[in-house]
Amino acid sequence: MPTYLTPSEANALVDAIQASLPAMYATIAPSDRQEAFAAEANAILELVEPQHHMALFERLESIVLLTRGFERPLAANG
């Protein structure tokens, strides 16, 4: 039986991704930001029980929407 992250553990990883967005804007080309975020997001989703995917996906999606697809830094939208 696989071991999954708890929802709180997964949310902590999403918090970490969100906190690292300024570094992403400084180090990753604008054209590659969505792909970089998607790779991190998909990795987290693979570690979460399927029944928790939708809630986690909605949280990740909110970051994409707030940044307008990573065209704008999160702080500029807050």
C-alpha atoms as a PDB file:
ATOM      1  CA  MET A   1       0.000   0.000   0.000  1.00  0.00           C
ATOM      2  CA  PRO A   2       1.508   3.349  -1.002  1.00  0.00           C
ATOM      3  CA  THR A   3       2.206   6.012   1.572  1.00  0.00           C
ATOM      4  CA  TYR A   4       0.749   9.406   0.734  1.00  0.00           C
ATOM      5  CA  LEU A   5       1.307  12.871   2.101  1.00  0.00           C
ATOM      6  CA  THR A   6      -1.375  14.161   4.417  1.00  0.00           C
ATOM      7  CA  PRO A   7      -3.328  17.172   3.154  1.00  0.00           C
ATOM      8  CA  SER A   8      -1.468  19.412   5.617  1.00  0.00           C
ATOM      9  CA  GLU A   9       1.894  18.135   4.393  1.00  0.00           C
ATOM     10  CA  ALA A  10       0.890  18.725   0.787  1.00  0.00           C
ATOM     11  CA  ASN A  11      -0.308  22.225   1.640  1.00  0.00           C
ATOM     12  CA  ALA A  12       3.046  22.909   3.295  1.00  0.00           C
ATOM     13  CA  LEU A  13       4.722  22.031  -0.007  1.00  0.00           C
ATOM     14  CA  VAL A  14       2.377  24.379  -1.871  1.00  0.00           C
ATOM     15  CA  ASP A  15       3.260  27.081   0.667  1.00  0.00           C
ATOM     16  CA  ALA A  16       6.929  26.433  -0.091  1.00  0.00           C
ATOM     17  CA  ILE A  17       6.341  26.748  -3.841  1.00  0.00           C
ATOM     18  CA  GLN A  18       4.446  29.977  -3.296  1.00  0.00           C
ATOM     19  CA  ALA A  19       7.215  31.333  -1.055  1.00  0.00           C
ATOM     20  CA  SER A  20       9.801  30.493  -3.702  1.00  0.00           C
ATOM     21  CA  LEU A  21       8.031  32.389  -6.488  1.00  0.00           C
ATOM     22  CA  PRO A  22      10.329  35.446  -6.207  1.00  0.00           C
ATOM     23  CA  ALA A  23      13.325  33.182  -6.805  1.00  0.00           C
ATOM     24  CA  MET A  24      11.563  31.588  -9.749  1.00  0.00           C
ATOM     25  CA  TYR A  25      10.981  35.009 -11.317  1.00  0.00           C
ATOM     26  CA  ALA A  26      14.671  35.840 -10.840  1.00  0.00           C
ATOM     27  CA  THR A  27      16.097  32.589 -12.189  1.00  0.00           C
ATOM     28  CA  ILE A  28      13.652  31.121 -14.716  1.00  0.00           C
ATOM     29  CA  ALA A  29      12.881  32.675 -18.082  1.00  0.00           C
ATOM     30  CA  PRO A  30       9.304  33.937 -18.413  1.00  0.00           C
ATOM     31  CA  SER A  31       8.603  31.432 -21.178  1.00  0.00           C
ATOM     32  CA  ASP A  32       9.586  28.544 -18.878  1.00  0.00           C
ATOM     33  CA  ARG A  33       7.791  29.562 -15.672  1.00  0.00           C
ATOM     34  CA  GLN A  34       4.536  27.704 -16.332  1.00  0.00           C
ATOM     35  CA  GLU A  35       6.398  24.524 -17.171  1.00  0.00           C
ATOM     36  CA  ALA A  36       8.564  24.795 -14.048  1.00  0.00           C
ATOM     37  CA  PHE A  37       5.519  25.362 -11.838  1.00  0.00           C
ATOM     38  CA  ALA A  38       3.629  22.516 -13.499  1.00  0.00           C
ATOM     39  CA  ALA A  39       6.505  20.121 -12.837  1.00  0.00           C
ATOM     40  CA  GLU A  40       6.499  20.995  -9.133  1.00  0.00           C
ATOM     41  CA  ALA A  41       2.703  20.899  -8.915  1.00  0.00           C
ATOM     42  CA  ASN A  42       2.465  17.521 -10.643  1.00  0.00           C
ATOM     43  CA  ALA A  43       5.119  16.083  -8.354  1.00  0.00           C
ATOM     44  CA  ILE A  44       3.087  17.103  -5.314  1.00  0.00           C
ATOM     45  CA  LEU A  45      -0.141  15.767  -6.798  1.00  0.00           C
ATOM     46  CA  GLU A  46       1.522  12.375  -7.330  1.00  0.00           C
ATOM     47  CA  LEU A  47       2.253  12.210  -3.601  1.00  0.00           C
ATOM     48  CA  VAL A  48      -1.322  12.918  -2.493  1.00  0.00           C
ATOM     49  CA  GLU A  49      -4.214  10.491  -2.235  1.00  0.00           C
ATOM     50  CA  PRO A  50      -6.502  10.794  -5.251  1.00  0.00           C
ATOM     51  CA  GLN A  51      -9.398  11.877  -3.039  1.00  0.00           C
ATOM     52  CA  HIS A  52      -7.436  15.026  -2.108  1.00  0.00           C
ATOM     53  CA  HIS A  53      -6.334  15.957  -5.636  1.00  0.00           C
ATOM     54  CA  MET A  54      -9.149  18.378  -6.374  1.00  0.00           C
ATOM     55  CA  ALA A  55      -8.639  20.534  -3.289  1.00  0.00           C
ATOM     56  CA  LEU A  56      -4.904  20.673  -3.870  1.00  0.00           C
ATOM     57  CA  PHE A  57      -5.356  21.341  -7.586  1.00  0.00           C
ATOM     58  CA  GLU A  58      -7.680  24.260  -6.804  1.00  0.00           C
ATOM     59  CA  ARG A  59      -5.072  25.747  -4.495  1.00  0.00           C
ATOM     60  CA  LEU A  60      -2.346  25.397  -7.128  1.00  0.00           C
ATOM     61  CA  GLU A  61      -4.640  26.819  -9.783  1.00  0.00           C
ATOM     62  CA  SER A  62      -5.304  29.881  -7.626  1.00  0.00           C
ATOM     63  CA  ILE A  63      -1.579  30.678  -7.722  1.00  0.00           C
ATOM     64  CA  VAL A  64      -1.621  30.505 -11.513  1.00  0.00           C
ATOM     65  CA  LEU A  65      -4.661  32.765 -11.683  1.00  0.00           C
ATOM     66  CA  LEU A  66      -3.260  35.301  -9.207  1.00  0.00           C
ATOM     67  CA  THR A  67      -0.063  35.589 -11.223  1.00  0.00           C
ATOM     68  CA  ARG A  68      -1.915  35.657 -14.537  1.00  0.00           C
ATOM     69  CA  GLY A  69      -0.074  32.597 -15.731  1.00  0.00           C
ATOM     70  CA  PHE A  70       3.187  33.784 -14.162  1.00  0.00           C
ATOM     71  CA  GLU A  71       3.209  36.980 -16.187  1.00  0.00           C
ATOM     72  CA  ARG A  72       3.123  39.005 -12.962  1.00  0.00           C
ATOM     73  CA  PRO A  73       4.726  38.400  -9.570  1.00  0.00           C
ATOM     74  CA  LEU A  74       2.354  37.274  -6.852  1.00  0.00           C
ATOM     75  CA  ALA A  75       3.107  40.358  -4.718  1.00  0.00           C
ATOM     76  CA  ALA A  76       1.949  42.645  -7.532  1.00  0.00           C
ATOM     77  CA  ASN A  77      -1.445  40.957  -7.420  1.00  0.00           C
ATOM     78  CA  GLY A  78      -1.902  40.886  -3.669  1.00  0.00           C
END
